[in-house]
PDB file of N, CA and C in Angstrom:
ATOM      1  N   MET A   1       0.822  -1.179   0.000  1.00  0.00           N
ATOM      2  CA  MET A   1       0.000   0.000   0.000  1.00  0.00           C
ATOM      3  C   MET A   1       0.881   1.263   0.000  1.00  0.00           C
ATOM      4  N   LYS A   2       1.950   1.224   0.775  1.00  0.00           N
ATOM      5  CA  LYS A   2       2.844   2.382   0.843  1.00  0.00           C
ATOM      6  C   LYS A   2       3.449   2.684  -0.531  1.00  0.00           C
ATOM      7  N   THR A   3       3.876   1.650  -1.235  1.00  0.00           N
ATOM      8  CA  THR A   3       4.486   1.835  -2.556  1.00  0.00           C
ATOM      9  C   THR A   3       3.488   2.430  -3.538  1.00  0.00           C
ATOM     10  N   VAL A   4       2.275   1.926  -3.531  1.00  0.00           N
ATOM     11  CA  VAL A   4       1.232   2.443  -4.429  1.00  0.00           C
ATOM     12  C   VAL A   4       0.978   3.918  -4.147  1.00  0.00           C
ATOM     13  N   CYS A   5       0.899   4.282  -2.869  1.00  0.00           N
ATOM     14  CA  CYS A   5       0.679   5.688  -2.503  1.00  0.00           C
ATOM     15  C   CYS A   5       1.851   6.566  -2.941  1.00  0.00           C
ATOM     16  N   MET A   6       3.073   6.059  -2.796  1.00  0.00           N
ATOM     17  CA  MET A   6       4.249   6.834  -3.206  1.00  0.00           C
ATOM     18  C   MET A   6       4.277   7.032  -4.717  1.00  0.00           C
ATOM     19  N   ILE A   7       3.900   6.002  -5.465  1.00  0.00           N
ATOM     20  CA  ILE A   7       3.841   6.123  -6.930  1.00  0.00           C
ATOM     21  C   ILE A   7       2.764   7.130  -7.315  1.00  0.00           C
ATOM     22  N   GLY A   8       1.587   7.003  -6.710  1.00  0.00           N
ATOM     23  CA  GLY A   8       0.493   7.938  -6.992  1.00  0.00           C
ATOM     24  C   GLY A   8       0.877   9.371  -6.697  1.00  0.00           C
ATOM     25  N   PHE A   9       1.562   9.598  -5.591  1.00  0.00           N
ATOM     26  CA  PHE A   9       1.995  10.954  -5.234  1.00  0.00           C
ATOM     27  C   PHE A   9       2.948  11.512  -6.283  1.00  0.00           C
ATOM     28  N   GLN A  10       3.899  10.704  -6.734  1.00  0.00           N
ATOM     29  CA  GLN A  10       4.858  11.180  -7.737  1.00  0.00           C
ATOM     30  C   GLN A  10       4.182  11.458  -9.078  1.00  0.00           C
ATOM     31  N   VAL A  11       3.236  10.606  -9.465  1.00  0.00           N
ATOM     32  CA  VAL A  11       2.517  10.834 -10.725  1.00  0.00           C
ATOM     33  C   VAL A  11       1.753  12.149 -10.639  1.00  0.00           C
ATOM     34  N   LEU A  12       1.049  12.367  -9.543  1.00  0.00           N
ATOM     35  CA  LEU A  12       0.317  13.625  -9.367  1.00  0.00           C
ATOM     36  C   LEU A  12       1.269  14.818  -9.357  1.00  0.00           C
ATOM     37  N   ASN A  13       2.423  14.663  -8.743  1.00  0.00           N
ATOM     38  CA  ASN A  13       3.421  15.732  -8.703  1.00  0.00           C
ATOM     39  C   ASN A  13       3.906  16.067 -10.118  1.00  0.00           C
ATOM     40  N   ARG A  14       4.161  15.034 -10.938  1.00  0.00           N
ATOM     41  CA  ARG A  14       4.601  15.269 -12.320  1.00  0.00           C
ATOM     42  C   ARG A  14       3.506  15.965 -13.128  1.00  0.00           C
ATOM     43  N   LEU A  15       2.251  15.531 -12.944  1.00  0.00           N
ATOM     44  CA  LEU A  15       1.141  16.154 -13.662  1.00  0.00           C
ATOM     45  C   LEU A  15       0.960  17.610 -13.240  1.00  0.00           C
ATOM     46  N   GLU A  16       1.156  17.882 -11.959  1.00  0.00           N
ATOM     47  CA  GLU A  16       1.046  19.260 -11.476  1.00  0.00           C
ATOM     48  C   GLU A  16       2.124  20.145 -12.097  1.00  0.00           C
ATOM     49  N   LYS A  17       3.338  19.626 -12.198  1.00  0.00           N
ATOM     50  CA  LYS A  17       4.428  20.401 -12.822  1.00  0.00           C
ATOM     51  C   LYS A  17       4.116  20.703 -14.283  1.00  0.00           C
ATOM     52  N   LEU A  18       3.578  19.722 -15.008  1.00  0.00           N
ATOM     53  CA  LEU A  18       3.196  19.953 -16.401  1.00  0.00           C
ATOM     54  C   LEU A  18       2.090  21.007 -16.482  1.00  0.00           C
ATOM     55  N   HIS A  19       1.140  20.933 -15.570  1.00  0.00           N
ATOM     56  CA  HIS A  19       0.024  21.882 -15.571  1.00  0.00           C
ATOM     57  C   HIS A  19       0.533  23.299 -15.305  1.00  0.00           C
ATOM     58  N   LYS A  20       1.516  23.428 -14.429  1.00  0.00           N
ATOM     59  CA  LYS A  20       2.101  24.751 -14.165  1.00  0.00           C
ATOM     60  C   LYS A  20       2.847  25.289 -15.384  1.00  0.00           C
ATOM     61  N   LEU A  21       3.237  24.386 -16.295  1.00  0.00           N
ATOM     62  CA  LEU A  21       3.870  24.793 -17.553  1.00  0.00           C
ATOM     63  C   LEU A  21       2.826  24.977 -18.658  1.00  0.00           C
ATOM     64  N   ASN A  22       1.548  24.972 -18.259  1.00  0.00           N
ATOM     65  CA  ASN A  22       0.401  25.204 -19.155  1.00  0.00           C
ATOM     66  C   ASN A  22       0.144  24.054 -20.130  1.00  0.00           C
ATOM     67  N   PHE A  23       0.414  22.831 -19.706  1.00  0.00           N
ATOM     68  CA  PHE A  23       0.148  21.667 -20.531  1.00  0.00           C
ATOM     69  C   PHE A  23      -0.768  20.686 -19.817  1.00  0.00           C
ATOM     70  N   LEU A  24      -1.653  20.064 -20.601  1.00  0.00           N
ATOM     71  CA  LEU A  24      -2.467  18.954 -20.139  1.00  0.00           C
ATOM     72  C   LEU A  24      -1.837  17.679 -20.681  1.00  0.00           C
ATOM     73  N   TYR A  25      -1.655  16.695 -19.847  1.00  0.00           N
ATOM     74  CA  TYR A  25      -0.995  15.457 -20.269  1.00  0.00           C
ATOM     75  C   TYR A  25      -1.927  14.576 -21.111  1.00  0.00           C
ATOM     76  N   ARG A  26      -3.128  14.336 -20.683  1.00  0.00           N
ATOM     77  CA  ARG A  26      -4.207  13.668 -21.400  1.00  0.00           C
ATOM     78  C   ARG A  26      -3.959  12.211 -21.775  1.00  0.00           C
ATOM     79  N   ASP A  27      -2.989  11.548 -21.177  1.00  0.00           N
ATOM     80  CA  ASP A  27      -2.756  10.138 -21.511  1.00  0.00           C
ATOM     81  C   ASP A  27      -2.231   9.358 -20.306  1.00  0.00           C
ATOM     82  N   VAL A  28      -2.896   9.527 -19.170  1.00  0.00           N
ATOM     83  CA  VAL A  28      -2.467   8.842 -17.955  1.00  0.00           C
ATOM     84  C   VAL A  28      -2.949   7.399 -18.004  1.00  0.00           C
ATOM     85  N   LYS A  29      -1.994   6.483 -18.016  1.00  0.00           N
ATOM     86  CA  LYS A  29      -2.272   5.053 -17.968  1.00  0.00           C
ATOM     87  C   LYS A  29      -0.990   4.349 -17.534  1.00  0.00           C
ATOM     88  N   PRO A  30      -1.095   3.142 -17.002  1.00  0.00           N
ATOM     89  CA  PRO A  30       0.092   2.446 -16.496  1.00  0.00           C
ATOM     90  C   PRO A  30       1.221   2.325 -17.509  1.00  0.00           C
ATOM     91  N   GLU A  31       0.885   2.165 -18.783  1.00  0.00           N
ATOM     92  CA  GLU A  31       1.920   1.996 -19.808  1.00  0.00           C
ATOM     93  C   GLU A  31       2.798   3.230 -19.971  1.00  0.00           C
ATOM     94  N   ASN A  32       2.338   4.386 -19.515  1.00  0.00           N
ATOM     95  CA  ASN A  32       3.089   5.639 -19.664  1.00  0.00           C
ATOM     96  C   ASN A  32       3.769   6.087 -18.378  1.00  0.00           C
ATOM     97  N   ILE A  33       3.823   5.204 -17.402  1.00  0.00           N
ATOM     98  CA  ILE A  33       4.486   5.498 -16.132  1.00  0.00           C
ATOM     99  C   ILE A  33       5.684   4.566 -16.015  1.00  0.00           C
ATOM    100  N   CYS A  34       6.878   5.134 -15.932  1.00  0.00           N
ATOM    101  CA  CYS A  34       8.110   4.342 -15.849  1.00  0.00           C
ATOM    102  C   CYS A  34       8.787   4.552 -14.506  1.00  0.00           C
ATOM    103  N   ILE A  35       9.444   3.490 -14.030  1.00  0.00           N
ATOM    104  CA  ILE A  35      10.192   3.540 -12.784  1.00  0.00           C
ATOM    105  C   ILE A  35      11.671   3.559 -13.135  1.00  0.00           C
ATOM    106  N   GLY A  36      12.424   4.430 -12.455  1.00  0.00           N
ATOM    107  CA  GLY A  36      13.844   4.571 -12.729  1.00  0.00           C
ATOM    108  C   GLY A  36      14.653   3.332 -12.373  1.00  0.00           C
ATOM    109  N   THR A  37      15.905   3.327 -12.793  1.00  0.00           N
ATOM    110  CA  THR A  37      16.810   2.216 -12.500  1.00  0.00           C
ATOM    111  C   THR A  37      18.032   2.742 -11.769  1.00  0.00           C
ATOM    112  N   GLY A  38      18.834   1.827 -11.270  1.00  0.00           N
ATOM    113  CA  GLY A  38      20.063   2.196 -10.578  1.00  0.00           C
ATOM    114  C   GLY A  38      19.779   3.036  -9.353  1.00  0.00           C
ATOM    115  N   ASN A  39      20.527   4.130  -9.202  1.00  0.00           N
ATOM    116  CA  ASN A  39      20.326   4.991  -8.030  1.00  0.00           C
ATOM    117  C   ASN A  39      19.079   5.862  -8.149  1.00  0.00           C
ATOM    118  N   LYS A  40      18.344   5.768  -9.264  1.00  0.00           N
ATOM    119  CA  LYS A  40      17.097   6.525  -9.447  1.00  0.00           C
ATOM    120  C   LYS A  40      15.886   5.582  -9.442  1.00  0.00           C
ATOM    121  N   PHE A  41      16.017   4.426  -8.775  1.00  0.00           N
ATOM    122  CA  PHE A  41      14.949   3.433  -8.792  1.00  0.00           C
ATOM    123  C   PHE A  41      13.688   3.889  -8.062  1.00  0.00           C
ATOM    124  N   THR A  42      13.767   4.982  -7.321  1.00  0.00           N
ATOM    125  CA  THR A  42      12.583   5.491  -6.618  1.00  0.00           C
ATOM    126  C   THR A  42      11.894   6.619  -7.381  1.00  0.00           C
ATOM    127  N   GLU A  43      12.410   6.978  -8.550  1.00  0.00           N
ATOM    128  CA  GLU A  43      11.833   8.080  -9.325  1.00  0.00           C
ATOM    129  C   GLU A  43      10.873   7.578 -10.391  1.00  0.00           C
ATOM    130  N   ILE A  44       9.753   8.267 -10.517  1.00  0.00           N
ATOM    131  CA  ILE A  44       8.741   7.960 -11.514  1.00  0.00           C
ATOM    132  C   ILE A  44       8.863   8.969 -12.651  1.00  0.00           C
ATOM    133  N   THR A  45       8.755   8.483 -13.880  1.00  0.00           N
ATOM    134  CA  THR A  45       8.822   9.335 -15.063  1.00  0.00           C
ATOM    135  C   THR A  45       7.600   9.072 -15.933  1.00  0.00           C
ATOM    136  N   LEU A  46       7.045  10.131 -16.508  1.00  0.00           N
ATOM    137  CA  LEU A  46       5.959   9.987 -17.467  1.00  0.00           C
ATOM    138  C   LEU A  46       6.550  10.002 -18.868  1.00  0.00           C
ATOM    139  N   ILE A  47       6.016   9.156 -19.748  1.00  0.00           N
ATOM    140  CA  ILE A  47       6.472   9.112 -21.138  1.00  0.00           C
ATOM    141  C   ILE A  47       5.278   9.279 -22.069  1.00  0.00           C
ATOM    142  N   ASP A  48       5.535   9.427 -23.335  1.00  0.00           N
ATOM    143  CA  ASP A  48       4.536   9.533 -24.407  1.00  0.00           C
ATOM    144  C   ASP A  48       3.684  10.795 -24.257  1.00  0.00           C
ATOM    145  N   PHE A  49       4.200  11.874 -24.758  1.00  0.00           N
ATOM    146  CA  PHE A  49       3.511  13.160 -24.695  1.00  0.00           C
ATOM    147  C   PHE A  49       2.776  13.484 -25.993  1.00  0.00           C
ATOM    148  N   GLY A  50       2.455  12.449 -26.768  1.00  0.00           N
ATOM    149  CA  GLY A  50       1.786  12.641 -28.044  1.00  0.00           C
ATOM    150  C   GLY A  50       0.406  13.277 -27.941  1.00  0.00           C
ATOM    151  N   LEU A  51      -0.288  13.082 -26.831  1.00  0.00           N
ATOM    152  CA  LEU A  51      -1.612  13.666 -26.645  1.00  0.00           C
ATOM    153  C   LEU A  51      -1.581  14.919 -25.779  1.00  0.00           C
ATOM    154  N   ALA A  52      -0.404  15.308 -25.300  1.00  0.00           N
ATOM    155  CA  ALA A  52      -0.306  16.509 -24.462  1.00  0.00           C
ATOM    156  C   ALA A  52      -0.729  17.736 -25.266  1.00  0.00           C
ATOM    157  N   LYS A  53      -1.326  18.688 -24.559  1.00  0.00           N
ATOM    158  CA  LYS A  53      -1.821  19.884 -25.248  1.00  0.00           C
ATOM    159  C   LYS A  53      -1.607  21.109 -24.376  1.00  0.00           C
ATOM    160  N   GLN A  54      -1.155  22.175 -25.010  1.00  0.00           N
ATOM    161  CA  GLN A  54      -1.002  23.447 -24.307  1.00  0.00           C
ATOM    162  C   GLN A  54      -2.383  24.080 -24.175  1.00  0.00           C
ATOM    163  N   PHE A  55      -2.704  24.574 -22.968  1.00  0.00           N
ATOM    164  CA  PHE A  55      -4.025  25.165 -22.774  1.00  0.00           C
ATOM    165  C   PHE A  55      -3.992  26.666 -22.524  1.00  0.00           C
ATOM    166  N   ILE A  56      -2.806  27.257 -22.512  1.00  0.00           N
ATOM    167  CA  ILE A  56      -2.639  28.708 -22.394  1.00  0.00           C
ATOM    168  C   ILE A  56      -1.819  29.156 -23.594  1.00  0.00           C
ATOM    169  N   ASP A  57      -2.297  30.168 -24.325  1.00  0.00           N
ATOM    170  CA  ASP A  57      -1.553  30.625 -25.501  1.00  0.00           C
ATOM    171  C   ASP A  57      -0.403  31.541 -25.093  1.00  0.00           C
ATOM    172  N   SER A  58       0.364  32.023 -26.067  1.00  0.00           N
ATOM    173  CA  SER A  58       1.549  32.843 -25.789  1.00  0.00           C
ATOM    174  C   SER A  58       1.211  34.194 -25.158  1.00  0.00           C
ATOM    175  N   ASN A  59      -0.052  34.619 -25.261  1.00  0.00           N
ATOM    176  CA  ASN A  59      -0.482  35.881 -24.643  1.00  0.00           C
ATOM    177  C   ASN A  59      -1.028  35.692 -23.236  1.00  0.00           C
ATOM    178  N   GLY A  60      -1.016  34.451 -22.748  1.00  0.00           N
ATOM    179  CA  GLY A  60      -1.507  34.172 -21.405  1.00  0.00           C
ATOM    180  C   GLY A  60      -3.004  33.935 -21.337  1.00  0.00           C
ATOM    181  N   ASN A  61      -3.647  33.765 -22.489  1.00  0.00           N
ATOM    182  CA  ASN A  61      -5.089  33.521 -22.518  1.00  0.00           C
ATOM    183  C   ASN A  61      -5.378  32.025 -22.589  1.00  0.00           C
ATOM    184  N   HIS A  62      -6.432  31.632 -21.882  1.00  0.00           N
ATOM    185  CA  HIS A  62      -6.854  30.232 -21.915  1.00  0.00           C
ATOM    186  C   HIS A  62      -7.408  29.907 -23.299  1.00  0.00           C
ATOM    187  N   ILE A  63      -6.921  28.833 -23.898  1.00  0.00           N
ATOM    188  CA  ILE A  63      -7.400  28.415 -25.209  1.00  0.00           C
ATOM    189  C   ILE A  63      -8.825  27.888 -25.046  1.00  0.00           C
ATOM    190  N   PRO A  64      -9.754  28.328 -25.880  1.00  0.00           N
ATOM    191  CA  PRO A  64     -11.149  27.900 -25.732  1.00  0.00           C
ATOM    192  C   PRO A  64     -11.312  26.382 -25.845  1.00  0.00           C
ATOM    193  N   GLU A  65     -12.248  25.863 -25.070  1.00  0.00           N
ATOM    194  CA  GLU A  65     -12.555  24.441 -25.118  1.00  0.00           C
ATOM    195  C   GLU A  65     -13.248  24.107 -26.436  1.00  0.00           C
ATOM    196  N   THR A  66     -12.868  22.994 -27.025  1.00  0.00           N
ATOM    197  CA  THR A  66     -13.522  22.531 -28.238  1.00  0.00           C
ATOM    198  C   THR A  66     -14.735  21.703 -27.827  1.00  0.00           C
ATOM    199  N   ILE A  67     -15.895  22.132 -28.236  1.00  0.00           N
ATOM    200  CA  ILE A  67     -17.131  21.442 -27.863  1.00  0.00           C
ATOM    201  C   ILE A  67     -17.430  20.321 -28.861  1.00  0.00           C
ATOM    202  N   LYS A  68     -17.854  19.185 -28.343  1.00  0.00           N
ATOM    203  CA  LYS A  68     -18.271  18.030 -29.147  1.00  0.00           C
ATOM    204  C   LYS A  68     -17.179  17.525 -30.086  1.00  0.00           C
ATOM    205  N   LYS A  69     -15.936  17.554 -29.617  1.00  0.00           N
ATOM    206  CA  LYS A  69     -14.837  17.062 -30.444  1.00  0.00           C
ATOM    207  C   LYS A  69     -14.793  15.534 -30.455  1.00  0.00           C
ATOM    208  N   GLY A  70     -15.246  14.916 -29.387  1.00  0.00           N
ATOM    209  CA  GLY A  70     -15.187  13.464 -29.284  1.00  0.00           C
ATOM    210  C   GLY A  70     -14.055  13.035 -28.382  1.00  0.00           C
ATOM    211  N   VAL A  71     -13.793  11.758 -28.369  1.00  0.00           N
ATOM    212  CA  VAL A  71     -12.796  11.177 -27.490  1.00  0.00           C
ATOM    213  C   VAL A  71     -11.409  11.375 -28.081  1.00  0.00           C
ATOM    214  N   VAL A  72     -10.454  11.697 -27.219  1.00  0.00           N
ATOM    215  CA  VAL A  72      -9.060  11.838 -27.626  1.00  0.00           C
ATOM    216  C   VAL A  72      -8.313  10.626 -27.087  1.00  0.00           C
ATOM    217  N   GLY A  73      -7.591   9.933 -27.951  1.00  0.00           N
ATOM    218  CA  GLY A  73      -6.797   8.804 -27.514  1.00  0.00           C
ATOM    219  C   GLY A  73      -7.442   7.464 -27.795  1.00  0.00           C
ATOM    220  N   TYR A  74      -6.907   6.449 -27.148  1.00  0.00           N
ATOM    221  CA  TYR A  74      -7.302   5.064 -27.381  1.00  0.00           C
ATOM    222  C   TYR A  74      -8.241   4.595 -26.290  1.00  0.00           C
ATOM    223  N   ILE A  75      -9.339   3.977 -26.684  1.00  0.00           N
ATOM    224  CA  ILE A  75     -10.252   3.368 -25.719  1.00  0.00           C
ATOM    225  C   ILE A  75     -10.286   1.870 -26.007  1.00  0.00           C
ATOM    226  N   PRO A  76      -9.864   1.070 -25.023  1.00  0.00           N
ATOM    227  CA  PRO A  76      -9.822  -0.397 -25.259  1.00  0.00           C
ATOM    228  C   PRO A  76     -11.206  -0.998 -25.404  1.00  0.00           C
TER     229      PRO A  76
END
Protein backbone atom coordinates (compact mmCIF):
# COMPACT_ATOMS: atom_id res chain seq x y z
CA MET A 1 0.00 0.00 0.00
CA LYS A 2 2.84 2.38 0.84
CA THR A 3 4.49 1.84 -2.56
CA VAL A 4 1.23 2.44 -4.43
CA CYS A 5 0.68 5.69 -2.50
CA MET A 6 4.25 6.83 -3.21
CA ILE A 7 3.84 6.12 -6.93
CA GLY A 8 0.49 7.94 -6.99
CA PHE A 9 1.99 10.95 -5.23
CA GLN A 10 4.86 11.18 -7.74
CA VAL A 11 2.52 10.83 -10.72
CA LEU A 12 0.32 13.63 -9.37
CA ASN A 13 3.42 15.73 -8.70
CA ARG A 14 4.60 15.27 -12.32
CA LEU A 15 1.14 16.15 -13.66
CA GLU A 16 1.05 19.26 -11.48
CA LYS A 17 4.43 20.40 -12.82
CA LEU A 18 3.20 19.95 -16.40
CA HIS A 19 0.02 21.88 -15.57
CA LYS A 20 2.10 24.75 -14.17
CA LEU A 21 3.87 24.79 -17.55
CA ASN A 22 0.40 25.20 -19.15
CA PHE A 23 0.15 21.67 -20.53
CA LEU A 24 -2.47 18.95 -20.14
CA TYR A 25 -1.00 15.46 -20.27
CA ARG A 26 -4.21 13.67 -21.40
CA ASP A 27 -2.76 10.14 -21.51
CA VAL A 28 -2.47 8.84 -17.95
CA LYS A 29 -2.27 5.05 -17.97
CA PRO A 30 0.09 2.45 -16.50
CA GLU A 31 1.92 2.00 -19.81
CA ASN A 32 3.09 5.64 -19.66
CA ILE A 33 4.49 5.50 -16.13
CA CYS A 34 8.11 4.34 -15.85
CA ILE A 35 10.19 3.54 -12.78
CA GLY A 36 13.84 4.57 -12.73
CA THR A 37 16.81 2.22 -12.50
CA GLY A 38 20.06 2.20 -10.58
CA ASN A 39 20.33 4.99 -8.03
CA LYS A 40 17.10 6.53 -9.45
CA PHE A 41 14.95 3.43 -8.79
CA THR A 42 12.58 5.49 -6.62
CA GLU A 43 11.83 8.08 -9.33
CA ILE A 44 8.74 7.96 -11.51
CA THR A 45 8.82 9.33 -15.06
CA LEU A 46 5.96 9.99 -17.47
CA ILE A 47 6.47 9.11 -21.14
CA ASP A 48 4.54 9.53 -24.41
CA PHE A 49 3.51 13.16 -24.70
CA GLY A 50 1.79 12.64 -28.04
CA LEU A 51 -1.61 13.67 -26.65
CA ALA A 52 -0.31 16.51 -24.46
CA LYS A 53 -1.82 19.88 -25.25
CA GLN A 54 -1.00 23.45 -24.31
CA PHE A 55 -4.03 25.16 -22.77
CA ILE A 56 -2.64 28.71 -22.39
CA ASP A 57 -1.55 30.63 -25.50
CA SER A 58 1.55 32.84 -25.79
CA ASN A 59 -0.48 35.88 -24.64
CA GLY A 60 -1.51 34.17 -21.41
CA ASN A 61 -5.09 33.52 -22.52
CA HIS A 62 -6.85 30.23 -21.92
CA ILE A 63 -7.40 28.42 -25.21
CA PRO A 64 -11.15 27.90 -25.73
CA GLU A 65 -12.55 24.44 -25.12
CA THR A 66 -13.52 22.53 -28.24
CA ILE A 67 -17.13 21.44 -27.86
CA LYS A 68 -18.27 18.03 -29.15
CA LYS A 69 -14.84 17.06 -30.44
CA GLY A 70 -15.19 13.46 -29.28
CA VAL A 71 -12.80 11.18 -27.49
CA VAL A 72 -9.06 11.84 -27.63
CA GLY A 73 -6.80 8.80 -27.51
CA TYR A 74 -7.30 5.06 -27.38
CA ILE A 75 -10.25 3.37 -25.72
CA PRO A 76 -9.82 -0.40 -25.26
